PDB file of N, CA and C in Angstrom:
ATOM      1  N   MET A   1      22.376-189.027  29.852  1.00  0.00           N
ATOM      2  CA  MET A   1      23.130-188.194  28.915  1.00  0.00           C
ATOM      3  C   MET A   1      24.246-187.516  29.715  1.00  0.00           C
ATOM      4  N   SER A   2      25.457-187.399  29.088  1.00  0.00           N
ATOM      5  CA  SER A   2      26.568-186.670  29.812  1.00  0.00           C
ATOM      6  C   SER A   2      26.362-185.189  29.612  1.00  0.00           C
ATOM      7  N   GLU A   3      27.144-184.435  30.399  1.00  0.00           N
ATOM      8  CA  GLU A   3      27.056-182.980  30.278  1.00  0.00           C
ATOM      9  C   GLU A   3      27.615-182.480  28.931  1.00  0.00           C
ATOM     10  N   ARG A   4      28.338-183.374  28.251  1.00  0.00           N
ATOM     11  CA  ARG A   4      28.808-183.032  26.873  1.00  0.00           C
ATOM     12  C   ARG A   4      27.787-183.425  25.755  1.00  0.00           C
ATOM     13  N   GLY A   5      26.629-183.973  26.234  1.00  0.00           N
ATOM     14  CA  GLY A   5      25.601-184.420  25.236  1.00  0.00           C
ATOM     15  C   GLY A   5      25.727-185.821  24.698  1.00  0.00           C
ATOM     16  N   GLN A   6      26.585-186.590  25.221  1.00  0.00           N
ATOM     17  CA  GLN A   6      26.841-187.947  24.728  1.00  0.00           C
ATOM     18  C   GLN A   6      25.873-188.934  25.465  1.00  0.00           C
ATOM     19  N   MET A   7      25.488-189.923  24.757  1.00  0.00           N
ATOM     20  CA  MET A   7      24.625-191.011  25.219  1.00  0.00           C
ATOM     21  C   MET A   7      25.273-192.338  24.918  1.00  0.00           C
ATOM     22  N   ALA A   8      24.830-193.390  25.681  1.00  0.00           N
ATOM     23  CA  ALA A   8      25.259-194.753  25.308  1.00  0.00           C
ATOM     24  C   ALA A   8      24.152-195.492  24.646  1.00  0.00           C
ATOM     25  N   LEU A   9      24.494-196.217  23.611  1.00  0.00           N
ATOM     26  CA  LEU A   9      23.475-197.003  22.883  1.00  0.00           C
ATOM     27  C   LEU A   9      23.454-198.380  23.604  1.00  0.00           C
ATOM     28  N   PRO A  10      22.272-198.766  24.085  1.00  0.00           N
ATOM     29  CA  PRO A  10      22.207-200.101  24.769  1.00  0.00           C
ATOM     30  C   PRO A  10      22.915-201.224  24.014  1.00  0.00           C
ATOM     31  N   SER A  11      23.499-202.119  24.750  1.00  0.00           N
ATOM     32  CA  SER A  11      24.248-203.247  24.156  1.00  0.00           C
ATOM     33  C   SER A  11      23.390-204.057  23.245  1.00  0.00           C
ATOM     34  N   GLN A  12      22.085-204.343  23.612  1.00  0.00           N
ATOM     35  CA  GLN A  12      21.147-205.060  22.742  1.00  0.00           C
ATOM     36  C   GLN A  12      21.050-204.533  21.343  1.00  0.00           C
ATOM     37  N   ALA A  13      20.923-203.204  21.274  1.00  0.00           N
ATOM     38  CA  ALA A  13      20.819-202.571  19.993  1.00  0.00           C
ATOM     39  C   ALA A  13      22.170-202.591  19.273  1.00  0.00           C
ATOM     40  N   ARG A  14      23.271-202.442  19.914  1.00  0.00           N
ATOM     41  CA  ARG A  14      24.629-202.527  19.275  1.00  0.00           C
ATOM     42  C   ARG A  14      24.825-203.899  18.710  1.00  0.00           C
ATOM     43  N   HIS A  15      24.405-204.952  19.469  1.00  0.00           N
ATOM     44  CA  HIS A  15      24.604-206.345  18.988  1.00  0.00           C
ATOM     45  C   HIS A  15      23.746-206.634  17.785  1.00  0.00           C
ATOM     46  N   ARG A  16      22.441-206.234  17.896  1.00  0.00           N
ATOM     47  CA  ARG A  16      21.525-206.485  16.787  1.00  0.00           C
ATOM     48  C   ARG A  16      21.846-205.694  15.506  1.00  0.00           C
ATOM     49  N   TRP A  17      22.397-204.517  15.629  1.00  0.00           N
ATOM     50  CA  TRP A  17      22.739-203.660  14.490  1.00  0.00           C
ATOM     51  C   TRP A  17      24.185-203.856  14.032  1.00  0.00           C
ATOM     52  N   GLY A  18      24.964-204.828  14.718  1.00  0.00           N
ATOM     53  CA  GLY A  18      26.304-205.084  14.284  1.00  0.00           C
ATOM     54  C   GLY A  18      27.272-203.943  14.505  1.00  0.00           C
ATOM     55  N   LEU A  19      27.077-203.273  15.664  1.00  0.00           N
ATOM     56  CA  LEU A  19      27.885-202.067  15.977  1.00  0.00           C
ATOM     57  C   LEU A  19      28.816-202.375  17.143  1.00  0.00           C
ATOM     58  N   ASP A  20      29.105-203.607  17.443  1.00  0.00           N
ATOM     59  CA  ASP A  20      29.977-203.930  18.593  1.00  0.00           C
ATOM     60  C   ASP A  20      31.300-203.316  18.542  1.00  0.00           C
ATOM     61  N   SER A  21      31.862-203.172  17.323  1.00  0.00           N
ATOM     62  CA  SER A  21      33.170-202.562  17.191  1.00  0.00           C
ATOM     63  C   SER A  21      33.037-201.052  16.625  1.00  0.00           C
ATOM     64  N   GLY A  22      31.879-200.529  16.820  1.00  0.00           N
ATOM     65  CA  GLY A  22      31.679-199.110  16.357  1.00  0.00           C
ATOM     66  C   GLY A  22      30.954-199.200  14.988  1.00  0.00           C
ATOM     67  N   GLY A  23      30.573-198.000  14.549  1.00  0.00           N
ATOM     68  CA  GLY A  23      29.839-197.883  13.228  1.00  0.00           C
ATOM     69  C   GLY A  23      29.057-196.616  13.254  1.00  0.00           C
ATOM     70  N   THR A  24      28.148-196.498  12.288  1.00  0.00           N
ATOM     71  CA  THR A  24      27.428-195.261  12.051  1.00  0.00           C
ATOM     72  C   THR A  24      25.948-195.418  12.442  1.00  0.00           C
ATOM     73  N   ILE A  25      25.470-194.502  13.128  1.00  0.00           N
ATOM     74  CA  ILE A  25      24.058-194.312  13.413  1.00  0.00           C
ATOM     75  C   ILE A  25      23.575-192.960  12.977  1.00  0.00           C
ATOM     76  N   SER A  26      22.281-192.874  12.766  1.00  0.00           N
ATOM     77  CA  SER A  26      21.751-191.561  12.455  1.00  0.00           C
ATOM     78  C   SER A  26      20.604-191.338  13.396  1.00  0.00           C
ATOM     79  N   TRP A  27      20.149-190.117  13.439  1.00  0.00           N
ATOM     80  CA  TRP A  27      18.999-189.777  14.303  1.00  0.00           C
ATOM     81  C   TRP A  27      18.046-188.850  13.547  1.00  0.00           C
ATOM     82  N   ILE A  28      16.805-188.927  13.973  1.00  0.00           N
ATOM     83  CA  ILE A  28      15.782-188.117  13.370  1.00  0.00           C
ATOM     84  C   ILE A  28      15.022-187.459  14.469  1.00  0.00           C
ATOM     85  N   ASP A  29      14.988-186.114  14.432  1.00  0.00           N
ATOM     86  CA  ASP A  29      14.349-185.276  15.448  1.00  0.00           C
ATOM     87  C   ASP A  29      12.888-185.241  15.097  1.00  0.00           C
ATOM     88  N   LEU A  30      12.005-185.846  16.011  1.00  0.00           N
ATOM     89  CA  LEU A  30      10.592-185.940  15.767  1.00  0.00           C
ATOM     90  C   LEU A  30       9.833-184.738  16.524  1.00  0.00           C
ATOM     91  N   GLY A  31      10.560-183.856  17.064  1.00  0.00           N
ATOM     92  CA  GLY A  31       9.983-182.769  17.880  1.00  0.00           C
ATOM     93  C   GLY A  31      10.015-183.051  19.366  1.00  0.00           C
ATOM     94  N   ASP A  32       9.241-183.956  19.796  1.00  0.00           N
ATOM     95  CA  ASP A  32       9.220-184.355  21.229  1.00  0.00           C
ATOM     96  C   ASP A  32       9.985-185.623  21.579  1.00  0.00           C
ATOM     97  N   ALA A  33      10.652-186.180  20.515  1.00  0.00           N
ATOM     98  CA  ALA A  33      11.420-187.433  20.643  1.00  0.00           C
ATOM     99  C   ALA A  33      12.463-187.453  19.578  1.00  0.00           C
ATOM    100  N   VAL A  34      13.488-188.304  19.774  1.00  0.00           N
ATOM    101  CA  VAL A  34      14.488-188.490  18.816  1.00  0.00           C
ATOM    102  C   VAL A  34      14.525-190.011  18.449  1.00  0.00           C
ATOM    103  N   LEU A  35      14.483-190.353  17.166  1.00  0.00           N
ATOM    104  CA  LEU A  35      14.548-191.725  16.673  1.00  0.00           C
ATOM    105  C   LEU A  35      15.961-192.043  16.277  1.00  0.00           C
ATOM    106  N   VAL A  36      16.540-193.035  16.870  1.00  0.00           N
ATOM    107  CA  VAL A  36      17.901-193.473  16.521  1.00  0.00           C
ATOM    108  C   VAL A  36      17.817-194.607  15.575  1.00  0.00           C
ATOM    109  N   VAL A  37      18.590-194.637  14.450  1.00  0.00           N
ATOM    110  CA  VAL A  37      18.493-195.688  13.465  1.00  0.00           C
ATOM    111  C   VAL A  37      19.990-196.069  13.106  1.00  0.00           C
ATOM    112  N   PRO A  38      20.103-197.417  12.737  1.00  0.00           N
ATOM    113  CA  PRO A  38      21.460-197.782  12.358  1.00  0.00           C
ATOM    114  C   PRO A  38      21.827-197.285  10.946  1.00  0.00           C
ATOM    115  N   GLY A  39      23.042-197.131  10.695  1.00  0.00           N
ATOM    116  CA  GLY A  39      23.484-196.626   9.351  1.00  0.00           C
ATOM    117  C   GLY A  39      23.256-195.160   9.177  1.00  0.00           C
ATOM    118  N   ARG A  40      23.245-194.811   7.928  1.00  0.00           N
ATOM    119  CA  ARG A  40      23.085-193.486   7.516  1.00  0.00           C
ATOM    120  C   ARG A  40      21.542-193.188   7.196  1.00  0.00           C
ATOM    121  N   PHE A  41      21.130-191.951   7.437  1.00  0.00           N
ATOM    122  CA  PHE A  41      19.643-191.697   7.207  1.00  0.00           C
ATOM    123  C   PHE A  41      19.290-191.849   5.814  1.00  0.00           C
ATOM    124  N   HIS A  42      20.242-191.592   4.851  1.00  0.00           N
ATOM    125  CA  HIS A  42      19.909-191.717   3.451  1.00  0.00           C
ATOM    126  C   HIS A  42      19.609-193.121   3.080  1.00  0.00           C
ATOM    127  N   GLU A  43      20.335-194.126   3.678  1.00  0.00           N
ATOM    128  CA  GLU A  43      19.989-195.508   3.426  1.00  0.00           C
ATOM    129  C   GLU A  43      18.624-195.892   3.955  1.00  0.00           C
ATOM    130  N   LEU A  44      18.362-195.412   5.183  1.00  0.00           N
ATOM    131  CA  LEU A  44      17.046-195.704   5.777  1.00  0.00           C
ATOM    132  C   LEU A  44      15.909-195.099   4.893  1.00  0.00           C
ATOM    133  N   ARG A  45      16.087-193.874   4.422  1.00  0.00           N
ATOM    134  CA  ARG A  45      15.093-193.284   3.600  1.00  0.00           C
ATOM    135  C   ARG A  45      14.815-194.076   2.351  1.00  0.00           C
ATOM    136  N   GLN A  46      15.915-194.515   1.668  1.00  0.00           N
ATOM    137  CA  GLN A  46      15.749-195.349   0.518  1.00  0.00           C
ATOM    138  C   GLN A  46      15.025-196.681   0.776  1.00  0.00           C
ATOM    139  N   GLU A  47      15.275-197.320   1.943  1.00  0.00           N
ATOM    140  CA  GLU A  47      14.628-198.510   2.325  1.00  0.00           C
ATOM    141  C   GLU A  47      13.148-198.271   2.574  1.00  0.00           C
ATOM    142  N   LEU A  48      12.822-197.184   3.336  1.00  0.00           N
ATOM    143  CA  LEU A  48      11.445-196.836   3.572  1.00  0.00           C
ATOM    144  C   LEU A  48      10.631-196.532   2.346  1.00  0.00           C
ATOM    145  N   LEU A  49      11.281-195.784   1.349  1.00  0.00           N
ATOM    146  CA  LEU A  49      10.634-195.407   0.090  1.00  0.00           C
ATOM    147  C   LEU A  49      10.406-196.684  -0.741  1.00  0.00           C
ATOM    148  N   ALA A  50      11.244-197.716  -0.604  1.00  0.00           N
ATOM    149  CA  ALA A  50      11.149-198.880  -1.415  1.00  0.00           C
ATOM    150  C   ALA A  50       9.904-199.730  -0.997  1.00  0.00           C
ATOM    151  N   VAL A  51       9.573-199.708   0.230  1.00  0.00           N
ATOM    152  CA  VAL A  51       8.457-200.485   0.774  1.00  0.00           C
ATOM    153  C   VAL A  51       7.153-199.735   0.917  1.00  0.00           C
ATOM    154  N   ALA A  52       7.124-198.490   0.542  1.00  0.00           N
ATOM    155  CA  ALA A  52       5.944-197.645   0.690  1.00  0.00           C
ATOM    156  C   ALA A  52       4.831-198.200  -0.226  1.00  0.00           C
ATOM    157  N   ASP A  53       3.592-198.021   0.236  1.00  0.00           N
ATOM    158  CA  ASP A  53       2.471-198.348  -0.637  1.00  0.00           C
ATOM    159  C   ASP A  53       1.995-197.148  -1.416  1.00  0.00           C
ATOM    160  N   TRP A  54       2.631-196.909  -2.516  1.00  0.00           N
ATOM    161  CA  TRP A  54       2.438-195.668  -3.252  1.00  0.00           C
ATOM    162  C   TRP A  54       1.032-195.705  -3.921  1.00  0.00           C
ATOM    163  N   GLU A  55       0.542-196.839  -4.312  1.00  0.00           N
ATOM    164  CA  GLU A  55      -0.833-196.847  -4.806  1.00  0.00           C
ATOM    165  C   GLU A  55      -1.856-196.350  -3.777  1.00  0.00           C
ATOM    166  N   ALA A  56      -1.744-196.844  -2.537  1.00  0.00           N
ATOM    167  CA  ALA A  56      -2.609-196.398  -1.472  1.00  0.00           C
ATOM    168  C   ALA A  56      -2.420-194.920  -1.254  1.00  0.00           C
ATOM    169  N   ALA A  57      -1.174-194.418  -1.287  1.00  0.00           N
ATOM    170  CA  ALA A  57      -0.949-192.963  -1.137  1.00  0.00           C
ATOM    171  C   ALA A  57      -1.678-192.193  -2.217  1.00  0.00           C
ATOM    172  N   ARG A  58      -1.605-192.677  -3.498  1.00  0.00           N
ATOM    173  CA  ARG A  58      -2.307-191.997  -4.551  1.00  0.00           C
ATOM    174  C   ARG A  58      -3.773-191.931  -4.386  1.00  0.00           C
ATOM    175  N   ARG A  59      -4.357-192.983  -3.733  1.00  0.00           N
ATOM    176  CA  ARG A  59      -5.780-193.079  -3.486  1.00  0.00           C
ATOM    177  C   ARG A  59      -6.201-192.245  -2.298  1.00  0.00           C
ATOM    178  N   GLY A  60      -5.242-191.713  -1.555  1.00  0.00           N
ATOM    179  CA  GLY A  60      -5.487-190.923  -0.388  1.00  0.00           C
ATOM    180  C   GLY A  60      -5.714-191.720   0.859  1.00  0.00           C
ATOM    181  N   PHE A  61      -5.256-193.011   0.933  1.00  0.00           N
ATOM    182  CA  PHE A  61      -5.454-193.894   2.030  1.00  0.00           C
ATOM    183  C   PHE A  61      -6.930-193.943   2.484  1.00  0.00           C
ATOM    184  N   GLY A  62      -7.799-193.907   1.515  1.00  0.00           N
ATOM    185  CA  GLY A  62      -9.297-194.064   1.784  1.00  0.00           C
ATOM    186  C   GLY A  62      -9.943-192.676   1.910  1.00  0.00           C
ATOM    187  N   ASP A  63      -9.239-191.679   1.945  1.00  0.00           N
ATOM    188  CA  ASP A  63      -9.776-190.332   2.080  1.00  0.00           C
ATOM    189  C   ASP A  63      -9.568-189.540   0.791  1.00  0.00           C
ATOM    190  N   PRO A  64     -10.630-189.337  -0.030  1.00  0.00           N
ATOM    191  CA  PRO A  64     -10.440-188.720  -1.314  1.00  0.00           C
ATOM    192  C   PRO A  64      -9.856-187.341  -1.196  1.00  0.00           C
ATOM    193  N   GLU A  65     -10.039-186.654  -0.173  1.00  0.00           N
ATOM    194  CA  GLU A  65      -9.473-185.251  -0.034  1.00  0.00           C
ATOM    195  C   GLU A  65      -7.953-185.310   0.092  1.00  0.00           C
ATOM    196  N   LEU A  66      -7.443-186.436   0.701  1.00  0.00           N
ATOM    197  CA  LEU A  66      -5.951-186.572   0.840  1.00  0.00           C
ATOM    198  C   LEU A  66      -5.327-186.903  -0.476  1.00  0.00           C
ATOM    199  N   ALA A  67      -6.091-187.473  -1.400  1.00  0.00           N
ATOM    200  CA  ALA A  67      -5.564-187.886  -2.696  1.00  0.00           C
ATOM    201  C   ALA A  67      -5.024-186.671  -3.484  1.00  0.00           C
ATOM    202  N   ASN A  68      -5.497-185.546  -3.203  1.00  0.00           N
ATOM    203  CA  ASN A  68      -5.076-184.336  -3.952  1.00  0.00           C
ATOM    204  C   ASN A  68      -4.042-183.472  -3.120  1.00  0.00           C
ATOM    205  N   GLN A  69      -3.634-183.945  -1.993  1.00  0.00           N
ATOM    206  CA  GLN A  69      -2.699-183.199  -1.126  1.00  0.00           C
ATOM    207  C   GLN A  69      -1.310-183.466  -1.529  1.00  0.00           C
TER     208      GLN A  69
END
């Protein structure tokens, strides 16, 4: 990391994400780590919500007490 807070994205990730000529990335602060994702966070959120197992979530993932949380 530079003293200005800049970092380089590894070339493998830039190639895989189609960012060779630049583009948008987002980051998510996990507390003790930062997750870097291609595109905008809103798009990632929509994608994650689309594949979520909502029926399992409603059942509490096997824990009946979680079903009401």
